[in-house]
PDB file of N, CA and C in Angstrom:
ATOM      1  N   MET A   1     -88.508 -23.868  49.799  1.00  0.00           N
ATOM      2  CA  MET A   1     -89.199 -25.118  49.675  1.00  0.00           C
ATOM      3  C   MET A   1     -89.920 -25.127  48.327  1.00  0.00           C
ATOM      4  N   PHE A   2     -89.713 -26.162  47.563  1.00  0.00           N
ATOM      5  CA  PHE A   2     -90.285 -26.268  46.233  1.00  0.00           C
ATOM      6  C   PHE A   2     -91.077 -27.572  46.129  1.00  0.00           C
ATOM      7  N   TRP A   3     -92.399 -27.464  45.955  1.00  0.00           N
ATOM      8  CA  TRP A   3     -93.249 -28.649  45.848  1.00  0.00           C
ATOM      9  C   TRP A   3     -93.849 -28.747  44.454  1.00  0.00           C
ATOM     10  N   THR A   4     -94.026 -29.953  43.996  1.00  0.00           N
ATOM     11  CA  THR A   4     -94.751 -30.245  42.768  1.00  0.00           C
ATOM     12  C   THR A   4     -95.706 -31.385  43.100  1.00  0.00           C
ATOM     13  N   PRO A   5     -96.727 -31.619  42.275  1.00  0.00           N
ATOM     14  CA  PRO A   5     -97.615 -32.758  42.544  1.00  0.00           C
ATOM     15  C   PRO A   5     -96.852 -34.075  42.601  1.00  0.00           C
ATOM     16  N   GLU A   6     -95.838 -34.204  41.769  1.00  0.00           N
ATOM     17  CA  GLU A   6     -95.048 -35.442  41.740  1.00  0.00           C
ATOM     18  C   GLU A   6     -94.294 -35.655  43.050  1.00  0.00           C
ATOM     19  N   LEU A   7     -93.836 -34.569  43.682  1.00  0.00           N
ATOM     20  CA  LEU A   7     -93.139 -34.682  44.964  1.00  0.00           C
ATOM     21  C   LEU A   7     -94.130 -34.877  46.110  1.00  0.00           C
ATOM     22  N   ALA A   8     -95.223 -34.159  46.078  1.00  0.00           N
ATOM     23  CA  ALA A   8     -96.202 -34.218  47.159  1.00  0.00           C
ATOM     24  C   ALA A   8     -96.821 -35.602  47.291  1.00  0.00           C
ATOM     25  N   VAL A   9     -96.968 -36.310  46.190  1.00  0.00           N
ATOM     26  CA  VAL A   9     -97.599 -37.631  46.235  1.00  0.00           C
ATOM     27  C   VAL A   9     -96.814 -38.596  47.129  1.00  0.00           C
ATOM     28  N   PHE A  10     -95.537 -38.382  47.284  1.00  0.00           N
ATOM     29  CA  PHE A  10     -94.726 -39.245  48.141  1.00  0.00           C
ATOM     30  C   PHE A  10     -95.142 -39.139  49.616  1.00  0.00           C
ATOM     31  N   LEU A  11     -95.764 -38.039  49.991  1.00  0.00           N
ATOM     32  CA  LEU A  11     -96.132 -37.831  51.390  1.00  0.00           C
ATOM     33  C   LEU A  11     -97.626 -37.988  51.660  1.00  0.00           C
ATOM     34  N   GLU A  12     -98.393 -38.384  50.657  1.00  0.00           N
ATOM     35  CA  GLU A  12     -99.832 -38.544  50.850  1.00  0.00           C
ATOM     36  C   GLU A  12    -100.159 -39.597  51.900  1.00  0.00           C
ATOM     37  N   ASP A  13     -99.381 -40.660  51.983  1.00  0.00           N
ATOM     38  CA  ASP A  13     -99.654 -41.754  52.918  1.00  0.00           C
ATOM     39  C   ASP A  13     -98.832 -41.668  54.195  1.00  0.00           C
ATOM     40  N   ALA A  14     -98.216 -40.532  54.427  1.00  0.00           N
ATOM     41  CA  ALA A  14     -97.410 -40.355  55.643  1.00  0.00           C
ATOM     42  C   ALA A  14     -98.312 -40.447  56.873  1.00  0.00           C
ATOM     43  N   PRO A  15     -97.746 -40.830  58.002  1.00  0.00           N
ATOM     44  CA  PRO A  15     -98.546 -40.992  59.222  1.00  0.00           C
ATOM     45  C   PRO A  15     -98.834 -39.648  59.898  1.00  0.00           C
ATOM     46  N   TYR A  16     -99.812 -38.926  59.368  1.00  0.00           N
ATOM     47  CA  TYR A  16    -100.191 -37.627  59.933  1.00  0.00           C
ATOM     48  C   TYR A  16    -101.103 -37.837  61.123  1.00  0.00           C
ATOM     49  N   PRO A  17    -101.101 -36.962  62.099  1.00  0.00           N
ATOM     50  CA  PRO A  17    -100.208 -35.821  62.296  1.00  0.00           C
ATOM     51  C   PRO A  17     -98.808 -36.294  62.676  1.00  0.00           C
ATOM     52  N   ALA A  18     -97.837 -35.491  62.271  1.00  0.00           N
ATOM     53  CA  ALA A  18     -96.437 -35.862  62.507  1.00  0.00           C
ATOM     54  C   ALA A  18     -95.601 -34.610  62.727  1.00  0.00           C
ATOM     55  N   THR A  19     -94.541 -34.771  63.485  1.00  0.00           N
ATOM     56  CA  THR A  19     -93.582 -33.693  63.645  1.00  0.00           C
ATOM     57  C   THR A  19     -92.645 -33.704  62.438  1.00  0.00           C
ATOM     58  N   LYS A  20     -91.821 -32.688  62.341  1.00  0.00           N
ATOM     59  CA  LYS A  20     -90.836 -32.613  61.268  1.00  0.00           C
ATOM     60  C   LYS A  20     -89.955 -33.861  61.276  1.00  0.00           C
ATOM     61  N   GLU A  21     -89.490 -34.263  62.455  1.00  0.00           N
ATOM     62  CA  GLU A  21     -88.601 -35.421  62.567  1.00  0.00           C
ATOM     63  C   GLU A  21     -89.302 -36.717  62.159  1.00  0.00           C
ATOM     64  N   GLU A  22     -90.555 -36.871  62.588  1.00  0.00           N
ATOM     65  CA  GLU A  22     -91.317 -38.068  62.221  1.00  0.00           C
ATOM     66  C   GLU A  22     -91.561 -38.128  60.720  1.00  0.00           C
ATOM     67  N   LEU A  23     -91.869 -36.986  60.143  1.00  0.00           N
ATOM     68  CA  LEU A  23     -92.106 -36.932  58.704  1.00  0.00           C
ATOM     69  C   LEU A  23     -90.822 -37.230  57.931  1.00  0.00           C
ATOM     70  N   PHE A  24     -89.711 -36.702  58.407  1.00  0.00           N
ATOM     71  CA  PHE A  24     -88.429 -36.963  57.754  1.00  0.00           C
ATOM     72  C   PHE A  24     -88.077 -38.449  57.858  1.00  0.00           C
ATOM     73  N   ASP A  25     -88.304 -39.041  59.018  1.00  0.00           N
ATOM     74  CA  ASP A  25     -88.041 -40.468  59.211  1.00  0.00           C
ATOM     75  C   ASP A  25     -88.884 -41.310  58.254  1.00  0.00           C
ATOM     76  N   TYR A  26     -90.166 -40.960  58.133  1.00  0.00           N
ATOM     77  CA  TYR A  26     -91.040 -41.667  57.197  1.00  0.00           C
ATOM     78  C   TYR A  26     -90.513 -41.538  55.763  1.00  0.00           C
ATOM     79  N   ALA A  27     -90.150 -40.320  55.377  1.00  0.00           N
ATOM     80  CA  ALA A  27     -89.674 -40.076  54.015  1.00  0.00           C
ATOM     81  C   ALA A  27     -88.391 -40.865  53.722  1.00  0.00           C
ATOM     82  N   MET A  28     -87.523 -40.951  54.699  1.00  0.00           N
ATOM     83  CA  MET A  28     -86.289 -41.731  54.527  1.00  0.00           C
ATOM     84  C   MET A  28     -86.614 -43.213  54.324  1.00  0.00           C
ATOM     85  N   ARG A  29     -87.482 -43.764  55.186  1.00  0.00           N
ATOM     86  CA  ARG A  29     -87.832 -45.177  55.098  1.00  0.00           C
ATOM     87  C   ARG A  29     -88.601 -45.498  53.827  1.00  0.00           C
ATOM     88  N   ALA A  30     -89.376 -44.519  53.332  1.00  0.00           N
ATOM     89  CA  ALA A  30     -90.185 -44.731  52.132  1.00  0.00           C
ATOM     90  C   ALA A  30     -89.380 -44.540  50.843  1.00  0.00           C
ATOM     91  N   GLY A  31     -88.141 -44.089  50.970  1.00  0.00           N
ATOM     92  CA  GLY A  31     -87.305 -43.900  49.786  1.00  0.00           C
ATOM     93  C   GLY A  31     -87.699 -42.701  48.946  1.00  0.00           C
ATOM     94  N   CYS A  32     -88.151 -41.644  49.611  1.00  0.00           N
ATOM     95  CA  CYS A  32     -88.544 -40.429  48.887  1.00  0.00           C
ATOM     96  C   CYS A  32     -87.333 -39.786  48.223  1.00  0.00           C
ATOM     97  N   PRO A  33     -87.560 -39.066  47.122  1.00  0.00           N
ATOM     98  CA  PRO A  33     -86.462 -38.369  46.445  1.00  0.00           C
ATOM     99  C   PRO A  33     -85.818 -37.318  47.355  1.00  0.00           C
ATOM    100  N   GLN A  34     -84.607 -36.972  47.040  1.00  0.00           N
ATOM    101  CA  GLN A  34     -83.845 -36.000  47.834  1.00  0.00           C
ATOM    102  C   GLN A  34     -84.577 -34.667  47.963  1.00  0.00           C
ATOM    103  N   GLN A  35     -85.273 -34.227  46.918  1.00  0.00           N
ATOM    104  CA  GLN A  35     -85.981 -32.944  46.991  1.00  0.00           C
ATOM    105  C   GLN A  35     -87.055 -32.969  48.072  1.00  0.00           C
ATOM    106  N   VAL A  36     -87.720 -34.093  48.273  1.00  0.00           N
ATOM    107  CA  VAL A  36     -88.722 -34.212  49.336  1.00  0.00           C
ATOM    108  C   VAL A  36     -88.036 -34.098  50.693  1.00  0.00           C
ATOM    109  N   LEU A  37     -86.917 -34.789  50.851  1.00  0.00           N
ATOM    110  CA  LEU A  37     -86.162 -34.718  52.107  1.00  0.00           C
ATOM    111  C   LEU A  37     -85.686 -33.294  52.381  1.00  0.00           C
ATOM    112  N   ASP A  38     -85.179 -32.637  51.353  1.00  0.00           N
ATOM    113  CA  ASP A  38     -84.725 -31.251  51.503  1.00  0.00           C
ATOM    114  C   ASP A  38     -85.877 -30.337  51.915  1.00  0.00           C
ATOM    115  N   ASN A  39     -87.048 -30.546  51.311  1.00  0.00           N
ATOM    116  CA  ASN A  39     -88.216 -29.732  51.649  1.00  0.00           C
ATOM    117  C   ASN A  39     -88.608 -29.912  53.113  1.00  0.00           C
ATOM    118  N   ILE A  40     -88.572 -31.140  53.589  1.00  0.00           N
ATOM    119  CA  ILE A  40     -88.912 -31.397  54.986  1.00  0.00           C
ATOM    120  C   ILE A  40     -87.895 -30.722  55.908  1.00  0.00           C
ATOM    121  N   LEU A  41     -86.634 -30.775  55.553  1.00  0.00           N
ATOM    122  CA  LEU A  41     -85.598 -30.153  56.380  1.00  0.00           C
ATOM    123  C   LEU A  41     -85.751 -28.638  56.459  1.00  0.00           C
ATOM    124  N   GLU A  42     -86.410 -28.042  55.477  1.00  0.00           N
ATOM    125  CA  GLU A  42     -86.617 -26.594  55.469  1.00  0.00           C
ATOM    126  C   GLU A  42     -87.756 -26.146  56.369  1.00  0.00           C
ATOM    127  N   ILE A  43     -88.515 -27.085  56.927  1.00  0.00           N
ATOM    128  CA  ILE A  43     -89.589 -26.720  57.847  1.00  0.00           C
ATOM    129  C   ILE A  43     -88.943 -26.081  59.069  1.00  0.00           C
ATOM    130  N   GLU A  44     -89.422 -24.895  59.438  1.00  0.00           N
ATOM    131  CA  GLU A  44     -88.765 -24.126  60.485  1.00  0.00           C
ATOM    132  C   GLU A  44     -88.992 -24.674  61.890  1.00  0.00           C
ATOM    133  N   ASP A  45     -90.209 -24.870  62.291  1.00  0.00           N
ATOM    134  CA  ASP A  45     -90.513 -25.264  63.668  1.00  0.00           C
ATOM    135  C   ASP A  45     -90.651 -26.774  63.757  1.00  0.00           C
ATOM    136  N   SER A  46     -89.722 -27.408  64.438  1.00  0.00           N
ATOM    137  CA  SER A  46     -89.713 -28.866  64.505  1.00  0.00           C
ATOM    138  C   SER A  46     -90.715 -29.418  65.515  1.00  0.00           C
ATOM    139  N   GLU A  47     -91.325 -28.565  66.343  1.00  0.00           N
ATOM    140  CA  GLU A  47     -92.278 -29.030  67.359  1.00  0.00           C
ATOM    141  C   GLU A  47     -93.729 -28.979  66.887  1.00  0.00           C
ATOM    142  N   VAL A  48     -94.002 -28.291  65.794  1.00  0.00           N
ATOM    143  CA  VAL A  48     -95.367 -28.151  65.297  1.00  0.00           C
ATOM    144  C   VAL A  48     -95.798 -29.454  64.636  1.00  0.00           C
ATOM    145  N   LEU A  49     -97.039 -29.878  64.918  1.00  0.00           N
ATOM    146  CA  LEU A  49     -97.567 -31.069  64.267  1.00  0.00           C
ATOM    147  C   LEU A  49     -98.059 -30.722  62.875  1.00  0.00           C
ATOM    148  N   ILE A  50     -97.662 -31.495  61.918  1.00  0.00           N
ATOM    149  CA  ILE A  50     -98.076 -31.335  60.535  1.00  0.00           C
ATOM    150  C   ILE A  50     -99.262 -32.264  60.337  1.00  0.00           C
ATOM    151  N   GLU A  51    -100.403 -31.700  59.977  1.00  0.00           N
ATOM    152  CA  GLU A  51    -101.645 -32.461  59.866  1.00  0.00           C
ATOM    153  C   GLU A  51    -101.818 -33.125  58.502  1.00  0.00           C
ATOM    154  N   GLY A  52    -101.128 -32.636  57.487  1.00  0.00           N
ATOM    155  CA  GLY A  52    -101.255 -33.192  56.143  1.00  0.00           C
ATOM    156  C   GLY A  52    -100.386 -32.415  55.176  1.00  0.00           C
ATOM    157  N   ILE A  53    -100.373 -32.868  53.934  1.00  0.00           N
ATOM    158  CA  ILE A  53     -99.549 -32.213  52.913  1.00  0.00           C
ATOM    159  C   ILE A  53     -99.969 -30.752  52.733  1.00  0.00           C
ATOM    160  N   GLU A  54    -101.232 -30.429  53.020  1.00  0.00           N
ATOM    161  CA  GLU A  54    -101.710 -29.059  52.887  1.00  0.00           C
ATOM    162  C   GLU A  54    -101.003 -28.115  53.861  1.00  0.00           C
ATOM    163  N   ASP A  55    -100.542 -28.637  54.994  1.00  0.00           N
ATOM    164  CA  ASP A  55     -99.782 -27.806  55.935  1.00  0.00           C
ATOM    165  C   ASP A  55     -98.415 -27.444  55.369  1.00  0.00           C
ATOM    166  N   LEU A  56     -97.866 -28.311  54.544  1.00  0.00           N
ATOM    167  CA  LEU A  56     -96.562 -28.058  53.929  1.00  0.00           C
ATOM    168  C   LEU A  56     -96.688 -27.223  52.665  1.00  0.00           C
ATOM    169  N   TRP A  57     -97.760 -27.484  51.922  1.00  0.00           N
ATOM    170  CA  TRP A  57     -97.973 -26.837  50.627  1.00  0.00           C
ATOM    171  C   TRP A  57     -99.441 -26.447  50.539  1.00  0.00           C
ATOM    172  N   PRO A  58     -99.805 -25.251  51.006  1.00  0.00           N
ATOM    173  CA  PRO A  58    -101.211 -24.837  51.066  1.00  0.00           C
ATOM    174  C   PRO A  58    -101.944 -24.886  49.721  1.00  0.00           C
ATOM    175  N   GLU A  59    -101.240 -24.730  48.627  1.00  0.00           N
ATOM    176  CA  GLU A  59    -101.871 -24.732  47.313  1.00  0.00           C
ATOM    177  C   GLU A  59    -102.122 -26.144  46.772  1.00  0.00           C
ATOM    178  N   TYR A  60    -101.788 -27.158  47.536  1.00  0.00           N
ATOM    179  CA  TYR A  60    -101.890 -28.547  47.072  1.00  0.00           C
ATOM    180  C   TYR A  60    -103.276 -28.884  46.533  1.00  0.00           C
ATOM    181  N   GLU A  61    -104.320 -28.513  47.257  1.00  0.00           N
ATOM    182  CA  GLU A  61    -105.683 -28.832  46.823  1.00  0.00           C
ATOM    183  C   GLU A  61    -105.990 -28.184  45.473  1.00  0.00           C
ATOM    184  N   ASP A  62    -105.509 -26.970  45.246  1.00  0.00           N
ATOM    185  CA  ASP A  62    -105.752 -26.290  43.974  1.00  0.00           C
ATOM    186  C   ASP A  62    -105.017 -26.976  42.830  1.00  0.00           C
ATOM    187  N   VAL A  63    -103.829 -27.450  43.099  1.00  0.00           N
ATOM    188  CA  VAL A  63    -102.983 -28.029  42.054  1.00  0.00           C
ATOM    189  C   VAL A  63    -103.464 -29.401  41.615  1.00  0.00           C
ATOM    190  N   ILE A  64    -104.097 -30.151  42.514  1.00  0.00           N
ATOM    191  CA  ILE A  64    -104.514 -31.499  42.136  1.00  0.00           C
ATOM    192  C   ILE A  64    -105.820 -31.519  41.352  1.00  0.00           C
ATOM    193  N   ASN A  65    -106.425 -30.355  41.154  1.00  0.00           N
ATOM    194  CA  ASN A  65    -107.637 -30.297  40.326  1.00  0.00           C
ATOM    195  C   ASN A  65    -107.318 -30.784  38.921  1.00  0.00           C
ATOM    196  N   ASP A  66    -108.314 -31.316  38.249  1.00  0.00           N
ATOM    197  CA  ASP A  66    -108.139 -31.834  36.892  1.00  0.00           C
ATOM    198  C   ASP A  66    -107.636 -30.777  35.928  1.00  0.00           C
ATOM    199  N   GLU A  67    -107.904 -29.515  36.198  1.00  0.00           N
ATOM    200  CA  GLU A  67    -107.471 -28.446  35.303  1.00  0.00           C
ATOM    201  C   GLU A  67    -105.959 -28.392  35.172  1.00  0.00           C
ATOM    202  N   TYR A  68    -105.239 -28.786  36.219  1.00  0.00           N
ATOM    203  CA  TYR A  68    -103.797 -28.636  36.236  1.00  0.00           C
ATOM    204  C   TYR A  68    -103.043 -29.906  35.859  1.00  0.00           C
ATOM    205  N   LEU A  69    -103.672 -31.042  36.031  1.00  0.00           N
ATOM    206  CA  LEU A  69    -102.987 -32.293  35.744  1.00  0.00           C
ATOM    207  C   LEU A  69    -103.395 -32.806  34.374  1.00  0.00           C
ATOM    208  N   TYR A  70    -102.461 -33.336  33.643  1.00  0.00           N
ATOM    209  CA  TYR A  70    -102.725 -33.874  32.314  1.00  0.00           C
ATOM    210  C   TYR A  70    -103.519 -35.157  32.442  1.00  0.00           C
ATOM    211  N   ASN A  71    -104.556 -35.278  31.643  1.00  0.00           N
ATOM    212  CA  ASN A  71    -105.419 -36.447  31.663  1.00  0.00           C
ATOM    213  C   ASN A  71    -105.342 -37.116  30.298  1.00  0.00           C
ATOM    214  N   ASP A  72    -104.961 -38.379  30.244  1.00  0.00           N
ATOM    215  CA  ASP A  72    -104.841 -39.097  28.976  1.00  0.00           C
ATOM    216  C   ASP A  72    -106.145 -39.113  28.199  1.00  0.00           C
ATOM    217  N   ASP A  73    -107.275 -39.088  28.899  1.00  0.00           N
ATOM    218  CA  ASP A  73    -108.572 -39.101  28.221  1.00  0.00           C
ATOM    219  C   ASP A  73    -108.828 -37.803  27.461  1.00  0.00           C
ATOM    220  N   GLN A  74    -108.147 -36.756  27.841  1.00  0.00           N
ATOM    221  CA  GLN A  74    -108.340 -35.467  27.184  1.00  0.00           C
ATOM    222  C   GLN A  74    -107.430 -35.293  25.971  1.00  0.00           C
ATOM    223  N   GLU A  75    -106.586 -36.250  25.702  1.00  0.00           N
ATOM    224  CA  GLU A  75    -105.610 -36.130  24.618  1.00  0.00           C
ATOM    225  C   GLU A  75    -106.276 -35.844  23.278  1.00  0.00           C
ATOM    226  N   ASP A  76    -107.397 -36.486  22.996  1.00  0.00           N
ATOM    227  CA  ASP A  76    -108.073 -36.303  21.722  1.00  0.00           C
ATOM    228  C   ASP A  76    -108.587 -34.889  21.538  1.00  0.00           C
ATOM    229  N   GLN A  77    -108.822 -34.172  22.616  1.00  0.00           N
ATOM    230  CA  GLN A  77    -109.318 -32.819  22.519  1.00  0.00           C
ATOM    231  C   GLN A  77    -108.309 -31.855  21.930  1.00  0.00           C
ATOM    232  N   PHE A  78    -107.031 -32.209  22.005  1.00  0.00           N
ATOM    233  CA  PHE A  78    -105.999 -31.305  21.543  1.00  0.00           C
ATOM    234  C   PHE A  78    -105.572 -31.554  20.103  1.00  0.00           C
ATOM    235  N   TYR A  79    -106.098 -32.580  19.497  1.00  0.00           N
ATOM    236  CA  TYR A  79    -105.695 -32.899  18.117  1.00  0.00           C
ATOM    237  C   TYR A  79    -106.853 -32.800  17.159  1.00  0.00           C
TER     238      TYR A  79
END
């Protein structure tokens, strides 16, 4: 399973808590990219309720910090 902030954002508004099947159905209806669908299919236990993107990608909270995402306002700092 390979997650990036760009992929995870597609599931931020998913109807949590959800099972693997419910999440996959949402992703299909929402037109998520194939990589998101593939990631959902890799979830092992289809009966476990997924409470949020953090259940799929535990490092999500760390990655969305400003330190990791490019900020247009910071552009001047690099030149």
